[in-house]
Amino acid sequence: MQPATKRSKQREAIVAFLMTRKDHPTADTIYMNIKKKFPNISLGTVYRNLALLSERGEILKLSYEDGADRYDAVIKPHYHFICQECGEITDLNMDSIDEQIKTMANQGFSGKIEESVIYFKGTCEKCLKKVFDKKNQKPVDIGE
């Protein structure tokens, strides 16, 4: 059990902000948005709060090679897709494969696997469209 911590309006604002986002923002993005409501907040305070929230299991911290940590308010188990072109991270709506992974990993392994972290990597639809349209030399209107 985690020790009790004092309530913090800043921490609550970070969680509330994350709950409005599906793009898994970085600490810098969170900081820039939280600063609008709390002008005196420091980047260090945001990092400390993100660390505390992720340690407590209130948010997810997504770490992968070649990228800044990202944060997610959806804490139920789910999978992420990382675009290797633009770096966008999106949630994948798919059935859990954790039990199959544990079963496969435990074959010939005498320890106990508690969890697995799986990131799917590739090229997102927007980037695929850019590549396709470049090859066909057509103007692209992706529409943000």
N, C-alpha and C. Protein backbone atom coordinates (compact mmCIF):
# COMPACT_ATOMS: atom_id res chain seq x y z
N MET A 1 0.84 -1.19 0.00
CA MET A 1 0.00 0.00 0.00
C MET A 1 0.88 1.24 0.00
N GLN A 2 0.51 2.22 -0.82
CA GLN A 2 1.27 3.45 -0.93
C GLN A 2 1.01 4.35 0.28
N PRO A 3 2.03 5.04 0.76
CA PRO A 3 1.79 5.98 1.85
C PRO A 3 0.90 7.13 1.37
N ALA A 4 0.13 7.66 2.27
CA ALA A 4 -0.76 8.76 1.92
C ALA A 4 0.06 9.99 1.55
N THR A 5 -0.42 10.70 0.56
CA THR A 5 0.22 11.95 0.19
C THR A 5 -0.82 13.06 0.26
N LYS A 6 -0.33 14.23 0.51
CA LYS A 6 -1.19 15.40 0.60
C LYS A 6 -1.86 15.66 -0.74
N ARG A 7 -3.12 16.03 -0.70
CA ARG A 7 -3.83 16.40 -1.92
C ARG A 7 -3.15 17.58 -2.59
N SER A 8 -3.15 17.57 -3.89
CA SER A 8 -2.50 18.63 -4.63
C SER A 8 -3.38 19.03 -5.81
N LYS A 9 -3.70 20.30 -5.91
CA LYS A 9 -4.50 20.80 -7.03
C LYS A 9 -3.73 20.63 -8.34
N GLN A 10 -2.41 20.80 -8.26
CA GLN A 10 -1.58 20.65 -9.45
C GLN A 10 -1.61 19.20 -9.94
N ARG A 11 -1.49 18.26 -9.02
CA ARG A 11 -1.53 16.83 -9.38
C ARG A 11 -2.88 16.48 -9.97
N GLU A 12 -3.94 16.98 -9.34
CA GLU A 12 -5.29 16.73 -9.85
C GLU A 12 -5.46 17.32 -11.25
N ALA A 13 -4.87 18.49 -11.48
CA ALA A 13 -4.95 19.13 -12.80
C ALA A 13 -4.20 18.31 -13.85
N ILE A 14 -3.09 17.71 -13.47
CA ILE A 14 -2.33 16.87 -14.40
C ILE A 14 -3.18 15.67 -14.81
N VAL A 15 -3.79 15.00 -13.84
CA VAL A 15 -4.63 13.83 -14.15
C VAL A 15 -5.82 14.26 -15.01
N ALA A 16 -6.46 15.37 -14.64
CA ALA A 16 -7.61 15.86 -15.42
C ALA A 16 -7.20 16.17 -16.85
N PHE A 17 -6.04 16.79 -17.02
CA PHE A 17 -5.55 17.09 -18.37
C PHE A 17 -5.32 15.80 -19.15
N LEU A 18 -4.67 14.83 -18.53
CA LEU A 18 -4.41 13.57 -19.21
C LEU A 18 -5.69 12.85 -19.62
N MET A 19 -6.72 13.00 -18.82
CA MET A 19 -7.99 12.34 -19.13
C MET A 19 -8.65 12.92 -20.38
N THR A 20 -8.25 14.13 -20.77
CA THR A 20 -8.82 14.74 -21.97
C THR A 20 -8.02 14.40 -23.22
N ARG A 21 -6.91 13.71 -23.05
CA ARG A 21 -6.00 13.46 -24.17
C ARG A 21 -5.95 11.99 -24.56
N LYS A 22 -5.83 11.77 -25.85
CA LYS A 22 -5.66 10.41 -26.37
C LYS A 22 -4.32 10.25 -27.07
N ASP A 23 -3.52 11.34 -27.09
CA ASP A 23 -2.27 11.32 -27.85
C ASP A 23 -1.04 11.01 -27.00
N HIS A 24 -1.24 10.66 -25.71
CA HIS A 24 -0.13 10.26 -24.85
C HIS A 24 0.95 11.33 -24.81
N PRO A 25 0.64 12.48 -24.22
CA PRO A 25 1.58 13.62 -24.24
C PRO A 25 2.84 13.39 -23.43
N THR A 26 3.87 14.15 -23.77
CA THR A 26 5.13 14.14 -23.02
C THR A 26 4.99 15.05 -21.81
N ALA A 27 5.96 14.98 -20.91
CA ALA A 27 5.96 15.86 -19.74
C ALA A 27 6.00 17.32 -20.17
N ASP A 28 6.74 17.64 -21.22
CA ASP A 28 6.82 19.02 -21.70
C ASP A 28 5.46 19.53 -22.17
N THR A 29 4.72 18.69 -22.89
CA THR A 29 3.39 19.08 -23.35
C THR A 29 2.45 19.28 -22.17
N ILE A 30 2.53 18.38 -21.21
CA ILE A 30 1.70 18.50 -20.01
C ILE A 30 2.05 19.80 -19.29
N TYR A 31 3.33 20.05 -19.12
CA TYR A 31 3.80 21.26 -18.45
C TYR A 31 3.25 22.53 -19.12
N MET A 32 3.37 22.61 -20.44
CA MET A 32 2.92 23.79 -21.16
C MET A 32 1.42 24.02 -20.98
N ASN A 33 0.65 22.97 -20.86
CA ASN A 33 -0.79 23.10 -20.68
C ASN A 33 -1.18 23.38 -19.24
N ILE A 34 -0.51 22.74 -18.29
CA ILE A 34 -0.79 22.96 -16.87
C ILE A 34 -0.37 24.37 -16.46
N LYS A 35 0.68 24.88 -17.10
CA LYS A 35 1.19 26.23 -16.80
C LYS A 35 0.13 27.31 -17.06
N LYS A 36 -0.80 27.03 -17.95
CA LYS A 36 -1.86 28.00 -18.24
C LYS A 36 -2.75 28.20 -17.00
N LYS A 37 -2.96 27.14 -16.25
CA LYS A 37 -3.80 27.23 -15.05
C LYS A 37 -2.97 27.57 -13.81
N PHE A 38 -1.73 27.10 -13.79
CA PHE A 38 -0.83 27.33 -12.66
C PHE A 38 0.45 27.98 -13.19
N PRO A 39 0.45 29.29 -13.41
CA PRO A 39 1.58 29.97 -14.05
C PRO A 39 2.91 29.80 -13.32
N ASN A 40 2.88 29.57 -12.01
CA ASN A 40 4.13 29.45 -11.25
C ASN A 40 4.64 28.02 -11.14
N ILE A 41 3.99 27.07 -11.74
CA ILE A 41 4.42 25.68 -11.65
C ILE A 41 5.73 25.50 -12.42
N SER A 42 6.62 24.68 -11.90
CA SER A 42 7.89 24.42 -12.58
C SER A 42 7.82 23.09 -13.33
N LEU A 43 8.69 22.95 -14.30
CA LEU A 43 8.78 21.69 -15.04
C LEU A 43 9.16 20.56 -14.08
N GLY A 44 10.03 20.85 -13.12
CA GLY A 44 10.43 19.85 -12.13
C GLY A 44 9.25 19.35 -11.32
N THR A 45 8.34 20.25 -10.97
CA THR A 45 7.14 19.86 -10.22
C THR A 45 6.27 18.93 -11.06
N VAL A 46 6.16 19.24 -12.34
CA VAL A 46 5.38 18.37 -13.23
C VAL A 46 6.02 16.99 -13.30
N TYR A 47 7.33 16.94 -13.48
CA TYR A 47 8.03 15.64 -13.53
C TYR A 47 7.86 14.87 -12.23
N ARG A 48 7.99 15.53 -11.09
CA ARG A 48 7.83 14.84 -9.80
C ARG A 48 6.42 14.29 -9.63
N ASN A 49 5.43 15.08 -10.03
CA ASN A 49 4.05 14.63 -9.92
C ASN A 49 3.75 13.48 -10.88
N LEU A 50 4.29 13.55 -12.08
CA LEU A 50 4.11 12.45 -13.03
C LEU A 50 4.75 11.17 -12.50
N ALA A 51 5.93 11.29 -11.91
CA ALA A 51 6.60 10.13 -11.33
C ALA A 51 5.76 9.54 -10.20
N LEU A 52 5.26 10.38 -9.32
CA LEU A 52 4.44 9.92 -8.20
C LEU A 52 3.16 9.26 -8.71
N LEU A 53 2.49 9.90 -9.64
CA LEU A 53 1.24 9.35 -10.18
C LEU A 53 1.46 7.99 -10.86
N SER A 54 2.56 7.87 -11.60
CA SER A 54 2.82 6.59 -12.26
C SER A 54 3.25 5.52 -11.26
N GLU A 55 4.03 5.89 -10.25
CA GLU A 55 4.42 4.93 -9.21
C GLU A 55 3.19 4.42 -8.46
N ARG A 56 2.23 5.28 -8.25
CA ARG A 56 1.01 4.92 -7.53
C ARG A 56 0.00 4.19 -8.41
N GLY A 57 0.27 4.10 -9.70
CA GLY A 57 -0.64 3.40 -10.60
C GLY A 57 -1.84 4.22 -11.02
N GLU A 58 -1.77 5.54 -10.83
CA GLU A 58 -2.89 6.41 -11.19
C GLU A 58 -2.84 6.82 -12.66
N ILE A 59 -1.66 6.75 -13.26
CA ILE A 59 -1.47 6.99 -14.69
C ILE A 59 -0.45 5.97 -15.19
N LEU A 60 -0.36 5.84 -16.50
CA LEU A 60 0.67 4.98 -17.10
C LEU A 60 1.80 5.84 -17.64
N LYS A 61 3.01 5.39 -17.42
CA LYS A 61 4.19 6.01 -18.02
C LYS A 61 4.64 5.08 -19.14
N LEU A 62 4.70 5.60 -20.35
CA LEU A 62 5.09 4.80 -21.51
C LEU A 62 6.51 5.19 -21.89
N SER A 63 7.41 4.24 -21.76
CA SER A 63 8.81 4.47 -22.12
C SER A 63 9.18 3.52 -23.25
N TYR A 64 9.81 4.05 -24.25
CA TYR A 64 10.32 3.22 -25.33
C TYR A 64 11.57 3.88 -25.88
N GLU A 65 12.39 3.06 -26.55
CA GLU A 65 13.66 3.58 -27.02
C GLU A 65 13.44 4.70 -28.03
N ASP A 66 14.39 5.60 -28.07
CA ASP A 66 14.39 6.71 -29.02
C ASP A 66 13.22 7.68 -28.86
N GLY A 67 12.69 7.80 -27.67
CA GLY A 67 11.58 8.73 -27.50
C GLY A 67 11.46 9.20 -26.06
N ALA A 68 10.85 10.36 -25.90
CA ALA A 68 10.58 10.87 -24.56
C ALA A 68 9.47 10.04 -23.94
N ASP A 69 9.48 9.93 -22.62
CA ASP A 69 8.39 9.24 -21.93
C ASP A 69 7.08 9.93 -22.26
N ARG A 70 6.05 9.13 -22.38
CA ARG A 70 4.70 9.63 -22.64
C ARG A 70 3.82 9.17 -21.49
N TYR A 71 2.67 9.82 -21.34
CA TYR A 71 1.80 9.52 -20.21
C TYR A 71 0.37 9.28 -20.69
N ASP A 72 -0.31 8.39 -19.98
CA ASP A 72 -1.64 7.93 -20.38
C ASP A 72 -2.51 7.83 -19.13
N ALA A 73 -3.71 8.40 -19.19
CA ALA A 73 -4.64 8.32 -18.05
C ALA A 73 -5.39 6.99 -18.04
N VAL A 74 -5.37 6.27 -19.15
CA VAL A 74 -6.05 4.97 -19.20
C VAL A 74 -5.14 3.94 -18.56
N ILE A 75 -5.52 3.48 -17.37
CA ILE A 75 -4.63 2.57 -16.64
C ILE A 75 -5.01 1.11 -16.80
N LYS A 76 -6.17 0.83 -17.36
CA LYS A 76 -6.51 -0.58 -17.59
C LYS A 76 -5.56 -1.13 -18.66
N PRO A 77 -5.27 -2.41 -18.59
CA PRO A 77 -4.33 -2.99 -19.57
C PRO A 77 -4.82 -2.78 -21.00
N HIS A 78 -3.94 -2.25 -21.82
CA HIS A 78 -4.22 -2.08 -23.24
C HIS A 78 -2.90 -1.94 -23.98
N TYR A 79 -2.97 -1.98 -25.29
CA TYR A 79 -1.77 -1.97 -26.12
C TYR A 79 -1.63 -0.66 -26.86
N HIS A 80 -0.40 -0.36 -27.26
CA HIS A 80 -0.09 0.89 -27.95
C HIS A 80 0.61 0.61 -29.27
N PHE A 81 0.33 1.47 -30.23
CA PHE A 81 1.01 1.45 -31.53
C PHE A 81 1.87 2.70 -31.61
N ILE A 82 3.13 2.52 -32.00
CA ILE A 82 4.07 3.64 -32.15
C ILE A 82 4.44 3.77 -33.62
N CYS A 83 4.15 4.94 -34.18
CA CYS A 83 4.54 5.18 -35.57
C CYS A 83 6.03 5.50 -35.60
N GLN A 84 6.77 4.75 -36.38
CA GLN A 84 8.21 4.95 -36.48
C GLN A 84 8.57 6.11 -37.39
N GLU A 85 7.59 6.69 -38.04
CA GLU A 85 7.84 7.85 -38.90
C GLU A 85 7.66 9.15 -38.12
N CYS A 86 6.48 9.32 -37.49
CA CYS A 86 6.16 10.60 -36.84
C CYS A 86 6.20 10.53 -35.31
N GLY A 87 6.31 9.32 -34.75
CA GLY A 87 6.40 9.17 -33.30
C GLY A 87 5.07 9.16 -32.58
N GLU A 88 3.97 9.28 -33.30
CA GLU A 88 2.64 9.27 -32.69
C GLU A 88 2.39 7.94 -31.98
N ILE A 89 1.76 8.01 -30.81
CA ILE A 89 1.39 6.81 -30.08
C ILE A 89 -0.13 6.76 -29.99
N THR A 90 -0.72 5.66 -30.39
CA THR A 90 -2.16 5.51 -30.32
C THR A 90 -2.51 4.21 -29.60
N ASP A 91 -3.69 4.20 -28.99
CA ASP A 91 -4.19 2.99 -28.34
C ASP A 91 -4.69 2.03 -29.41
N LEU A 92 -4.46 0.75 -29.17
CA LEU A 92 -5.01 -0.29 -30.03
C LEU A 92 -6.18 -0.93 -29.30
N ASN A 93 -7.31 -0.99 -29.95
CA ASN A 93 -8.47 -1.66 -29.37
C ASN A 93 -8.46 -3.11 -29.82
N MET A 94 -7.91 -3.96 -28.97
CA MET A 94 -7.81 -5.38 -29.31
C MET A 94 -7.91 -6.21 -28.04
N ASP A 95 -8.27 -7.45 -28.20
CA ASP A 95 -8.36 -8.35 -27.06
C ASP A 95 -6.98 -8.56 -26.46
N SER A 96 -6.95 -8.83 -25.17
CA SER A 96 -5.70 -9.05 -24.47
C SER A 96 -5.02 -10.34 -24.95
N ILE A 97 -3.72 -10.26 -25.10
CA ILE A 97 -2.94 -11.45 -25.44
C ILE A 97 -1.95 -11.77 -24.31
N ASP A 98 -2.16 -11.14 -23.13
CA ASP A 98 -1.23 -11.33 -22.01
C ASP A 98 -1.11 -12.79 -21.58
N GLU A 99 -2.22 -13.49 -21.49
CA GLU A 99 -2.16 -14.89 -21.04
C GLU A 99 -1.38 -15.75 -22.03
N GLN A 100 -1.58 -15.53 -23.33
CA GLN A 100 -0.84 -16.28 -24.33
C GLN A 100 0.66 -15.98 -24.23
N ILE A 101 1.00 -14.71 -24.00
CA ILE A 101 2.40 -14.30 -23.87
C ILE A 101 3.01 -14.99 -22.65
N LYS A 102 2.32 -14.97 -21.52
CA LYS A 102 2.83 -15.61 -20.30
C LYS A 102 3.02 -17.10 -20.51
N THR A 103 2.06 -17.74 -21.17
CA THR A 103 2.17 -19.18 -21.44
C THR A 103 3.38 -19.47 -22.31
N MET A 104 3.56 -18.69 -23.38
CA MET A 104 4.69 -18.90 -24.27
C MET A 104 6.01 -18.62 -23.55
N ALA A 105 6.07 -17.56 -22.77
CA ALA A 105 7.31 -17.18 -22.09
C ALA A 105 7.67 -18.16 -20.99
N ASN A 106 6.69 -18.77 -20.38
CA ASN A 106 6.95 -19.71 -19.29
C ASN A 106 7.40 -21.09 -19.77
N GLN A 107 7.34 -21.35 -21.05
CA GLN A 107 7.82 -22.62 -21.58
C GLN A 107 9.34 -22.62 -21.49
N GLY A 108 9.88 -23.50 -20.66
CA GLY A 108 11.32 -23.58 -20.48
C GLY A 108 11.87 -22.51 -19.56
N PHE A 109 11.01 -21.83 -18.83
CA PHE A 109 11.43 -20.77 -17.90
C PHE A 109 10.88 -21.11 -16.54
N SER A 110 11.75 -21.17 -15.53
CA SER A 110 11.30 -21.62 -14.21
C SER A 110 10.89 -20.49 -13.28
N GLY A 111 11.06 -19.24 -13.68
CA GLY A 111 10.64 -18.11 -12.85
C GLY A 111 9.16 -17.83 -13.01
N LYS A 112 8.72 -16.73 -12.47
CA LYS A 112 7.31 -16.33 -12.57
C LYS A 112 7.22 -14.97 -13.23
N ILE A 113 6.57 -14.92 -14.36
CA ILE A 113 6.39 -13.67 -15.09
C ILE A 113 5.13 -12.99 -14.56
N GLU A 114 5.28 -11.75 -14.14
CA GLU A 114 4.17 -10.99 -13.57
C GLU A 114 3.47 -10.11 -14.61
N GLU A 115 4.25 -9.60 -15.55
CA GLU A 115 3.67 -8.67 -16.52
C GLU A 115 4.53 -8.63 -17.77
N SER A 116 3.93 -8.21 -18.86
CA SER A 116 4.68 -8.01 -20.09
C SER A 116 4.31 -6.64 -20.66
N VAL A 117 5.25 -6.05 -21.36
CA VAL A 117 5.01 -4.76 -22.00
C VAL A 117 5.22 -4.96 -23.49
N ILE A 118 4.18 -4.67 -24.24
CA ILE A 118 4.23 -4.90 -25.68
C ILE A 118 3.88 -3.60 -26.39
N TYR A 119 4.76 -3.18 -27.28
CA TYR A 119 4.48 -2.04 -28.14
C TYR A 119 4.46 -2.56 -29.57
N PHE A 120 3.47 -2.17 -30.31
CA PHE A 120 3.42 -2.49 -31.72
C PHE A 120 3.99 -1.30 -32.47
N LYS A 121 4.88 -1.55 -33.41
CA LYS A 121 5.54 -0.47 -34.15
C LYS A 121 5.30 -0.64 -35.64
N GLY A 122 5.26 0.48 -36.32
CA GLY A 122 5.07 0.47 -37.76
C GLY A 122 4.88 1.88 -38.25
N THR A 123 4.04 2.03 -39.25
CA THR A 123 3.77 3.32 -39.85
C THR A 123 2.28 3.60 -39.74
N CYS A 124 1.94 4.76 -39.19
CA CYS A 124 0.52 5.12 -39.01
C CYS A 124 -0.12 5.44 -40.36
N GLU A 125 -1.43 5.52 -40.34
CA GLU A 125 -2.20 5.77 -41.55
C GLU A 125 -1.82 7.09 -42.22
N LYS A 126 -1.62 8.15 -41.42
CA LYS A 126 -1.26 9.45 -41.98
C LYS A 126 0.08 9.38 -42.70
N CYS A 127 1.06 8.73 -42.07
CA CYS A 127 2.39 8.64 -42.69
C CYS A 127 2.37 7.74 -43.91
N LEU A 128 1.60 6.67 -43.87
CA LEU A 128 1.47 5.80 -45.05
C LEU A 128 0.88 6.59 -46.21
N LYS A 129 -0.10 7.42 -45.91
CA LYS A 129 -0.74 8.22 -46.94
C LYS A 129 0.26 9.20 -47.55
N LYS A 130 1.10 9.81 -46.71
CA LYS A 130 2.13 10.74 -47.20
C LYS A 130 3.09 10.03 -48.14
N VAL A 131 3.55 8.83 -47.75
CA VAL A 131 4.49 8.07 -48.58
C VAL A 131 3.82 7.67 -49.89
N PHE A 132 2.58 7.18 -49.81
CA PHE A 132 1.85 6.77 -51.01
C PHE A 132 1.67 7.94 -51.95
N ASP A 133 1.26 9.09 -51.40
CA ASP A 133 1.01 10.25 -52.24
C ASP A 133 2.31 10.83 -52.82
N LYS A 134 3.42 10.71 -52.09
CA LYS A 134 4.72 11.16 -52.64
C LYS A 134 5.11 10.31 -53.84
N LYS A 135 4.91 8.99 -53.70
CA LYS A 135 5.27 8.09 -54.81
C LYS A 135 4.43 8.38 -56.04
N ASN A 136 3.16 8.70 -55.81
CA ASN A 136 2.27 9.01 -56.93
C ASN A 136 2.29 10.49 -57.30
N GLN A 137 3.09 11.26 -56.56
CA GLN A 137 3.26 12.68 -56.77
C GLN A 137 1.92 13.42 -56.82
N LYS A 138 1.08 13.08 -55.86
CA LYS A 138 -0.20 13.77 -55.73
C LYS A 138 -0.11 14.69 -54.51
N PRO A 139 -0.79 15.83 -54.57
CA PRO A 139 -0.82 16.70 -53.38
C PRO A 139 -1.59 15.99 -52.26
N VAL A 140 -1.16 16.24 -51.06
CA VAL A 140 -1.74 15.58 -49.90
C VAL A 140 -2.51 16.58 -49.06
N ASP A 141 -3.73 16.21 -48.69
CA ASP A 141 -4.51 16.99 -47.74
C ASP A 141 -4.92 16.05 -46.63
N ILE A 142 -4.09 16.00 -45.58
CA ILE A 142 -4.33 15.06 -44.50
C ILE A 142 -5.39 15.58 -43.56
N GLY A 143 -5.51 16.88 -43.41
CA GLY A 143 -6.53 17.46 -42.55
C GLY A 143 -6.34 17.09 -41.10
N GLU A 144 -5.77 17.97 -40.32
CA GLU A 144 -5.50 17.71 -38.91
C GLU A 144 -6.76 17.81 -38.12
